[in-house]
N, C-alpha and C. Protein backbone atom coordinates (compact mmCIF):
# COMPACT_ATOMS: atom_id res chain seq x y z
N MET A 1 -164.73 -37.36 -53.11
CA MET A 1 -163.54 -37.86 -53.78
C MET A 1 -163.94 -38.50 -55.10
N PRO A 2 -163.21 -38.25 -56.18
CA PRO A 2 -163.58 -38.82 -57.47
C PRO A 2 -163.38 -40.33 -57.48
N ALA A 3 -164.14 -40.99 -58.33
CA ALA A 3 -164.06 -42.44 -58.41
C ALA A 3 -162.75 -42.89 -59.05
N TYR A 4 -162.27 -42.19 -60.06
CA TYR A 4 -161.04 -42.58 -60.76
C TYR A 4 -160.42 -41.34 -61.39
N ASN A 5 -159.11 -41.19 -61.26
CA ASN A 5 -158.38 -40.07 -61.88
C ASN A 5 -157.50 -40.59 -63.00
N HIS A 6 -157.61 -39.98 -64.16
CA HIS A 6 -156.76 -40.33 -65.30
C HIS A 6 -155.97 -39.08 -65.68
N HIS A 7 -154.66 -39.24 -65.87
CA HIS A 7 -153.79 -38.12 -66.20
C HIS A 7 -153.28 -38.25 -67.63
N SER A 8 -153.26 -37.13 -68.34
CA SER A 8 -152.76 -37.11 -69.71
C SER A 8 -152.26 -35.69 -70.01
N ARG A 9 -151.90 -35.47 -71.27
CA ARG A 9 -151.39 -34.18 -71.68
C ARG A 9 -151.96 -33.86 -73.06
N VAL A 10 -152.23 -32.59 -73.34
CA VAL A 10 -152.75 -32.17 -74.64
C VAL A 10 -151.66 -32.33 -75.69
N ALA A 11 -151.97 -33.09 -76.73
CA ALA A 11 -151.05 -33.26 -77.86
C ALA A 11 -151.29 -32.14 -78.87
N PHE A 12 -150.28 -31.86 -79.68
CA PHE A 12 -150.41 -30.82 -80.71
C PHE A 12 -151.58 -31.14 -81.65
N ALA A 13 -151.73 -32.41 -81.99
CA ALA A 13 -152.80 -32.83 -82.91
C ALA A 13 -154.19 -32.61 -82.32
N ASP A 14 -154.29 -32.41 -81.00
CA ASP A 14 -155.58 -32.18 -80.35
C ASP A 14 -156.08 -30.75 -80.52
N THR A 15 -155.20 -29.85 -80.97
CA THR A 15 -155.57 -28.43 -81.04
C THR A 15 -156.03 -28.05 -82.44
N ASP A 16 -156.81 -26.97 -82.50
CA ASP A 16 -157.29 -26.47 -83.79
C ASP A 16 -156.43 -25.27 -84.21
N ALA A 17 -156.85 -24.60 -85.26
CA ALA A 17 -156.07 -23.48 -85.80
C ALA A 17 -155.93 -22.33 -84.81
N SER A 18 -156.82 -22.25 -83.83
CA SER A 18 -156.71 -21.17 -82.84
C SER A 18 -155.79 -21.55 -81.68
N GLY A 19 -155.28 -22.79 -81.69
CA GLY A 19 -154.34 -23.21 -80.66
C GLY A 19 -154.97 -23.80 -79.42
N ILE A 20 -156.29 -23.98 -79.44
CA ILE A 20 -156.97 -24.59 -78.29
C ILE A 20 -157.44 -25.99 -78.67
N VAL A 21 -157.76 -26.78 -77.66
CA VAL A 21 -158.23 -28.14 -77.91
C VAL A 21 -159.55 -28.07 -78.67
N TYR A 22 -159.58 -28.81 -79.77
CA TYR A 22 -160.80 -28.95 -80.57
C TYR A 22 -161.85 -29.66 -79.73
N PHE A 23 -163.09 -29.19 -79.76
CA PHE A 23 -164.13 -29.66 -78.84
C PHE A 23 -164.32 -31.17 -78.83
N ALA A 24 -164.23 -31.82 -79.97
CA ALA A 24 -164.47 -33.26 -80.04
C ALA A 24 -163.43 -34.05 -79.25
N ASN A 25 -162.26 -33.48 -79.05
CA ASN A 25 -161.22 -34.20 -78.31
C ASN A 25 -161.55 -34.35 -76.84
N PHE A 26 -162.44 -33.53 -76.30
CA PHE A 26 -162.87 -33.72 -74.92
C PHE A 26 -163.57 -35.07 -74.76
N PHE A 27 -164.30 -35.49 -75.80
CA PHE A 27 -164.95 -36.79 -75.76
C PHE A 27 -163.91 -37.91 -75.78
N ARG A 28 -162.82 -37.71 -76.50
CA ARG A 28 -161.74 -38.70 -76.52
C ARG A 28 -161.06 -38.77 -75.16
N TYR A 29 -160.83 -37.62 -74.52
CA TYR A 29 -160.24 -37.63 -73.18
C TYR A 29 -161.16 -38.40 -72.21
N ALA A 30 -162.46 -38.19 -72.34
CA ALA A 30 -163.42 -38.91 -71.50
C ALA A 30 -163.35 -40.41 -71.77
N GLN A 31 -163.31 -40.79 -73.03
CA GLN A 31 -163.27 -42.21 -73.36
C GLN A 31 -161.97 -42.85 -72.87
N ASP A 32 -160.86 -42.16 -72.99
CA ASP A 32 -159.59 -42.69 -72.47
C ASP A 32 -159.71 -42.95 -70.96
N ALA A 33 -160.30 -42.02 -70.23
CA ALA A 33 -160.48 -42.19 -68.79
C ALA A 33 -161.43 -43.34 -68.49
N GLU A 34 -162.48 -43.46 -69.28
CA GLU A 34 -163.44 -44.56 -69.10
C GLU A 34 -162.75 -45.91 -69.26
N VAL A 35 -161.98 -46.07 -70.31
CA VAL A 35 -161.29 -47.34 -70.57
C VAL A 35 -160.36 -47.69 -69.42
N GLU A 36 -159.60 -46.70 -68.93
CA GLU A 36 -158.67 -46.95 -67.83
C GLU A 36 -159.40 -47.23 -66.52
N ALA A 37 -160.50 -46.54 -66.27
CA ALA A 37 -161.28 -46.78 -65.05
C ALA A 37 -161.85 -48.20 -65.06
N LEU A 38 -162.40 -48.62 -66.19
CA LEU A 38 -162.95 -49.97 -66.29
C LEU A 38 -161.85 -51.02 -66.14
N ALA A 39 -160.71 -50.79 -66.79
CA ALA A 39 -159.60 -51.74 -66.68
C ALA A 39 -159.12 -51.87 -65.24
N ALA A 40 -159.09 -50.75 -64.52
CA ALA A 40 -158.66 -50.76 -63.12
C ALA A 40 -159.61 -51.56 -62.24
N HIS A 41 -160.84 -51.79 -62.74
CA HIS A 41 -161.83 -52.55 -61.97
C HIS A 41 -162.11 -53.90 -62.62
N GLY A 42 -161.18 -54.36 -63.45
CA GLY A 42 -161.25 -55.72 -63.97
C GLY A 42 -162.08 -55.93 -65.22
N PHE A 43 -162.44 -54.86 -65.92
CA PHE A 43 -163.24 -55.00 -67.13
C PHE A 43 -162.37 -54.78 -68.37
N THR A 44 -162.50 -55.69 -69.31
CA THR A 44 -161.86 -55.49 -70.61
C THR A 44 -162.95 -55.28 -71.63
N ARG A 45 -162.61 -54.66 -72.74
CA ARG A 45 -163.60 -54.31 -73.73
C ARG A 45 -163.60 -55.27 -74.92
N MET A 46 -162.81 -56.31 -74.87
CA MET A 46 -162.65 -57.16 -76.04
C MET A 46 -163.83 -58.10 -76.27
N ASP A 47 -164.52 -58.51 -75.24
CA ASP A 47 -165.57 -59.50 -75.38
C ASP A 47 -166.97 -58.91 -75.56
N MET A 48 -167.12 -57.64 -75.43
CA MET A 48 -168.42 -56.99 -75.54
C MET A 48 -168.34 -55.78 -76.47
N ARG A 49 -169.51 -55.28 -76.82
CA ARG A 49 -169.61 -54.03 -77.58
C ARG A 49 -170.18 -52.98 -76.64
N TYR A 50 -169.72 -51.73 -76.79
CA TYR A 50 -170.14 -50.65 -75.90
C TYR A 50 -170.51 -49.41 -76.72
N PRO A 51 -171.60 -49.46 -77.47
CA PRO A 51 -171.96 -48.26 -78.23
C PRO A 51 -172.40 -47.13 -77.32
N ARG A 52 -172.06 -45.92 -77.72
CA ARG A 52 -172.53 -44.74 -77.02
C ARG A 52 -173.96 -44.46 -77.49
N VAL A 53 -174.85 -44.29 -76.54
CA VAL A 53 -176.23 -43.98 -76.90
C VAL A 53 -176.60 -42.55 -76.53
N HIS A 54 -175.70 -41.89 -75.80
CA HIS A 54 -175.91 -40.48 -75.46
C HIS A 54 -174.56 -39.86 -75.11
N ALA A 55 -174.36 -38.62 -75.53
CA ALA A 55 -173.14 -37.88 -75.18
C ALA A 55 -173.47 -36.40 -75.14
N GLU A 56 -172.94 -35.71 -74.13
CA GLU A 56 -173.12 -34.26 -74.02
C GLU A 56 -171.93 -33.68 -73.27
N ALA A 57 -171.71 -32.40 -73.46
CA ALA A 57 -170.59 -31.75 -72.78
C ALA A 57 -170.91 -30.31 -72.49
N ASP A 58 -170.38 -29.83 -71.38
CA ASP A 58 -170.41 -28.42 -71.03
C ASP A 58 -168.97 -27.96 -71.01
N PHE A 59 -168.67 -26.95 -71.82
CA PHE A 59 -167.31 -26.42 -71.92
C PHE A 59 -167.20 -25.17 -71.06
N ILE A 60 -166.17 -25.14 -70.22
CA ILE A 60 -166.01 -24.07 -69.25
C ILE A 60 -164.80 -23.19 -69.56
N ALA A 61 -163.67 -23.83 -69.88
CA ALA A 61 -162.42 -23.08 -70.14
C ALA A 61 -161.58 -23.86 -71.14
N PRO A 62 -160.83 -23.16 -71.98
CA PRO A 62 -160.04 -23.84 -72.99
C PRO A 62 -158.82 -24.56 -72.41
N LEU A 63 -158.36 -25.54 -73.16
CA LEU A 63 -157.09 -26.21 -72.88
C LEU A 63 -156.17 -25.96 -74.07
N TYR A 64 -154.86 -25.96 -73.81
CA TYR A 64 -153.87 -25.64 -74.84
C TYR A 64 -152.83 -26.75 -74.95
N PHE A 65 -152.09 -26.73 -76.06
CA PHE A 65 -151.01 -27.67 -76.31
C PHE A 65 -150.10 -27.80 -75.09
N ARG A 66 -149.82 -29.04 -74.71
CA ARG A 66 -148.93 -29.43 -73.60
C ARG A 66 -149.54 -29.23 -72.21
N ASP A 67 -150.78 -28.74 -72.13
CA ASP A 67 -151.42 -28.64 -70.82
C ASP A 67 -151.55 -30.04 -70.21
N GLU A 68 -151.31 -30.12 -68.92
CA GLU A 68 -151.57 -31.37 -68.20
C GLU A 68 -153.06 -31.44 -67.93
N ILE A 69 -153.61 -32.63 -68.10
CA ILE A 69 -155.05 -32.85 -67.93
C ILE A 69 -155.26 -33.90 -66.85
N ARG A 70 -156.23 -33.65 -66.00
CA ARG A 70 -156.70 -34.65 -65.04
C ARG A 70 -158.18 -34.85 -65.30
N THR A 71 -158.56 -36.08 -65.59
CA THR A 71 -159.96 -36.39 -65.84
C THR A 71 -160.49 -37.26 -64.71
N GLU A 72 -161.48 -36.75 -64.01
CA GLU A 72 -162.16 -37.51 -62.96
C GLU A 72 -163.29 -38.29 -63.63
N ALA A 73 -163.20 -39.60 -63.59
CA ALA A 73 -164.22 -40.47 -64.18
C ALA A 73 -165.06 -41.08 -63.08
N ALA A 74 -166.38 -40.92 -63.18
CA ALA A 74 -167.26 -41.48 -62.16
C ALA A 74 -168.57 -41.90 -62.81
N LEU A 75 -169.19 -42.89 -62.21
CA LEU A 75 -170.50 -43.34 -62.68
C LEU A 75 -171.60 -42.58 -61.95
N LEU A 76 -172.55 -42.09 -62.73
CA LEU A 76 -173.75 -41.49 -62.14
C LEU A 76 -174.74 -42.58 -61.77
N SER A 77 -174.81 -43.63 -62.61
CA SER A 77 -175.68 -44.76 -62.31
C SER A 77 -175.27 -45.97 -63.15
N ILE A 78 -175.72 -47.13 -62.68
CA ILE A 78 -175.51 -48.39 -63.38
C ILE A 78 -176.89 -48.93 -63.72
N GLY A 79 -177.19 -49.02 -65.01
CA GLY A 79 -178.45 -49.62 -65.45
C GLY A 79 -178.28 -51.11 -65.64
N SER A 80 -179.31 -51.77 -66.09
CA SER A 80 -179.19 -53.22 -66.28
C SER A 80 -178.16 -53.54 -67.36
N THR A 81 -178.12 -52.73 -68.42
CA THR A 81 -177.13 -52.94 -69.50
C THR A 81 -176.39 -51.64 -69.84
N SER A 82 -176.52 -50.62 -69.01
CA SER A 82 -175.91 -49.33 -69.36
C SER A 82 -175.11 -48.76 -68.20
N LEU A 83 -174.15 -47.91 -68.57
CA LEU A 83 -173.38 -47.15 -67.60
C LEU A 83 -173.54 -45.68 -67.94
N HIS A 84 -173.91 -44.88 -66.94
CA HIS A 84 -174.08 -43.44 -67.09
C HIS A 84 -172.87 -42.78 -66.44
N TRP A 85 -172.01 -42.19 -67.27
CA TRP A 85 -170.73 -41.64 -66.82
C TRP A 85 -170.76 -40.12 -66.72
N GLN A 86 -169.92 -39.62 -65.83
CA GLN A 86 -169.61 -38.20 -65.79
C GLN A 86 -168.09 -38.05 -65.71
N PHE A 87 -167.55 -37.20 -66.56
CA PHE A 87 -166.12 -36.95 -66.62
C PHE A 87 -165.89 -35.46 -66.40
N SER A 88 -165.18 -35.11 -65.35
CA SER A 88 -164.80 -33.72 -65.09
C SER A 88 -163.35 -33.57 -65.52
N ILE A 89 -163.12 -32.71 -66.51
CA ILE A 89 -161.80 -32.57 -67.11
C ILE A 89 -161.18 -31.27 -66.64
N TYR A 90 -160.01 -31.39 -65.98
CA TYR A 90 -159.32 -30.26 -65.39
C TYR A 90 -158.02 -29.98 -66.12
N GLY A 91 -157.73 -28.71 -66.31
CA GLY A 91 -156.46 -28.25 -66.85
C GLY A 91 -155.74 -27.43 -65.81
N PRO A 92 -154.68 -26.71 -66.21
CA PRO A 92 -153.90 -25.92 -65.25
C PRO A 92 -154.70 -24.84 -64.53
N LYS A 93 -155.77 -24.35 -65.14
CA LYS A 93 -156.55 -23.27 -64.52
C LYS A 93 -157.84 -23.76 -63.87
N GLY A 94 -157.99 -25.07 -63.73
CA GLY A 94 -159.19 -25.60 -63.10
C GLY A 94 -160.08 -26.35 -64.07
N LEU A 95 -161.36 -26.42 -63.73
CA LEU A 95 -162.31 -27.19 -64.52
C LEU A 95 -162.42 -26.63 -65.94
N SER A 96 -162.25 -27.51 -66.91
CA SER A 96 -162.30 -27.11 -68.31
C SER A 96 -163.57 -27.59 -69.00
N ALA A 97 -164.04 -28.78 -68.65
CA ALA A 97 -165.25 -29.32 -69.28
C ALA A 97 -165.83 -30.43 -68.41
N VAL A 98 -167.13 -30.64 -68.58
CA VAL A 98 -167.80 -31.79 -67.97
C VAL A 98 -168.48 -32.53 -69.12
N VAL A 99 -168.12 -33.80 -69.25
CA VAL A 99 -168.67 -34.65 -70.30
C VAL A 99 -169.52 -35.73 -69.64
N ARG A 100 -170.68 -35.98 -70.19
CA ARG A 100 -171.54 -37.05 -69.71
C ARG A 100 -171.87 -37.97 -70.88
N THR A 101 -171.72 -39.27 -70.65
CA THR A 101 -172.04 -40.24 -71.70
C THR A 101 -172.85 -41.38 -71.10
N VAL A 102 -173.58 -42.06 -71.96
CA VAL A 102 -174.26 -43.29 -71.61
C VAL A 102 -173.81 -44.33 -72.61
N ILE A 103 -173.30 -45.45 -72.07
CA ILE A 103 -172.92 -46.55 -72.95
C ILE A 103 -173.84 -47.73 -72.67
N SER A 104 -174.10 -48.49 -73.70
CA SER A 104 -174.96 -49.66 -73.60
C SER A 104 -174.13 -50.89 -73.87
N ARG A 105 -174.13 -51.85 -72.96
CA ARG A 105 -173.31 -53.05 -73.14
C ARG A 105 -174.06 -54.08 -73.97
N ARG A 106 -173.40 -54.56 -75.01
CA ARG A 106 -173.99 -55.50 -75.95
C ARG A 106 -173.06 -56.67 -76.21
N HIS A 107 -173.67 -57.83 -76.52
CA HIS A 107 -172.89 -58.98 -76.98
C HIS A 107 -172.41 -58.69 -78.40
N ALA A 108 -171.58 -59.57 -78.95
CA ALA A 108 -171.04 -59.39 -80.30
C ALA A 108 -172.15 -59.28 -81.35
N ASP A 109 -173.28 -59.93 -81.10
CA ASP A 109 -174.41 -59.84 -82.05
C ASP A 109 -175.33 -58.65 -81.75
N PHE A 110 -174.91 -57.79 -80.83
CA PHE A 110 -175.60 -56.56 -80.41
C PHE A 110 -176.89 -56.80 -79.63
N THR A 111 -177.07 -58.01 -79.08
CA THR A 111 -178.16 -58.21 -78.14
C THR A 111 -177.72 -57.69 -76.78
N ALA A 112 -178.69 -57.33 -75.95
CA ALA A 112 -178.39 -56.75 -74.64
C ALA A 112 -177.55 -57.71 -73.78
N ALA A 113 -176.61 -57.13 -73.05
CA ALA A 113 -175.71 -57.91 -72.18
C ALA A 113 -175.78 -57.34 -70.77
N PRO A 114 -176.74 -57.81 -69.96
CA PRO A 114 -176.90 -57.27 -68.61
C PRO A 114 -175.67 -57.52 -67.73
N TYR A 115 -175.45 -56.61 -66.79
CA TYR A 115 -174.38 -56.76 -65.81
C TYR A 115 -174.85 -57.72 -64.71
N SER A 116 -173.98 -58.65 -64.33
CA SER A 116 -174.29 -59.57 -63.24
C SER A 116 -174.15 -58.84 -61.90
N ASP A 117 -174.62 -59.46 -60.84
CA ASP A 117 -174.46 -58.87 -59.51
C ASP A 117 -172.98 -58.72 -59.16
N ALA A 118 -172.17 -59.70 -59.54
CA ALA A 118 -170.73 -59.62 -59.26
C ALA A 118 -170.09 -58.46 -60.03
N GLU A 119 -170.50 -58.26 -61.28
CA GLU A 119 -169.97 -57.13 -62.06
C GLU A 119 -170.42 -55.80 -61.48
N ARG A 120 -171.65 -55.74 -61.02
CA ARG A 120 -172.15 -54.51 -60.39
C ARG A 120 -171.35 -54.18 -59.14
N ALA A 121 -170.98 -55.21 -58.39
CA ALA A 121 -170.17 -54.99 -57.19
C ALA A 121 -168.79 -54.45 -57.57
N ARG A 122 -168.22 -54.91 -58.68
CA ARG A 122 -166.92 -54.39 -59.13
C ARG A 122 -167.04 -52.95 -59.62
N LEU A 123 -168.20 -52.59 -60.16
CA LEU A 123 -168.41 -51.23 -60.66
C LEU A 123 -168.77 -50.25 -59.55
N ALA A 124 -169.30 -50.73 -58.45
CA ALA A 124 -169.80 -49.87 -57.37
C ALA A 124 -168.79 -48.82 -56.89
N PRO A 125 -167.49 -49.13 -56.79
CA PRO A 125 -166.55 -48.09 -56.34
C PRO A 125 -166.47 -46.89 -57.29
N LEU A 126 -166.92 -47.06 -58.52
CA LEU A 126 -166.88 -45.96 -59.49
C LEU A 126 -168.07 -45.01 -59.35
N LEU A 127 -169.08 -45.40 -58.58
CA LEU A 127 -170.25 -44.55 -58.40
C LEU A 127 -169.91 -43.31 -57.58
N LEU A 128 -170.41 -42.16 -58.01
CA LEU A 128 -170.27 -40.96 -57.19
C LEU A 128 -170.96 -41.21 -55.85
N PRO A 129 -170.40 -40.73 -54.76
CA PRO A 129 -170.97 -41.03 -53.43
C PRO A 129 -172.47 -40.76 -53.33
N GLU A 130 -172.94 -39.65 -53.87
CA GLU A 130 -174.36 -39.34 -53.75
C GLU A 130 -175.23 -40.25 -54.59
N ASN A 131 -174.61 -41.05 -55.49
CA ASN A 131 -175.36 -41.97 -56.35
C ASN A 131 -175.16 -43.42 -55.96
N SER A 132 -174.33 -43.69 -54.96
CA SER A 132 -173.97 -45.06 -54.64
C SER A 132 -175.13 -45.85 -54.02
N THR A 133 -176.14 -45.18 -53.49
CA THR A 133 -177.28 -45.89 -52.93
C THR A 133 -178.44 -46.00 -53.91
N LYS A 134 -178.33 -45.33 -55.05
CA LYS A 134 -179.40 -45.39 -56.05
C LYS A 134 -179.27 -46.67 -56.85
N LYS A 135 -180.41 -47.20 -57.28
CA LYS A 135 -180.41 -48.40 -58.12
C LYS A 135 -180.90 -48.07 -59.49
């Protein structure tokens, strides 16, 4: 079972001249799901910085204007100051893309901001089941 499901729809502005979703917008769909997943577990982004230190995607099938999208957001692992995410993005015909990102949590001055044990416990439900026992 996915850790968190986020639902959205392809906007006209998300498509390119060929009528399909422009590749960079898959990263935006992933980030939207990330923000909502974190908010659902009590995290706000206002007090910290979260630069992306890695991003990659595998594209499987195109999405089109007005397609309904379901993004499964899950953590692959929780580092001392990083979150390793996987986002499976589904359209009407099934899996469309898999996006993986790593974010690094920083204070306002960009020094490392480790997750406390209590914060790790709040993040644990977002871990994929096969990764929930990994440290």
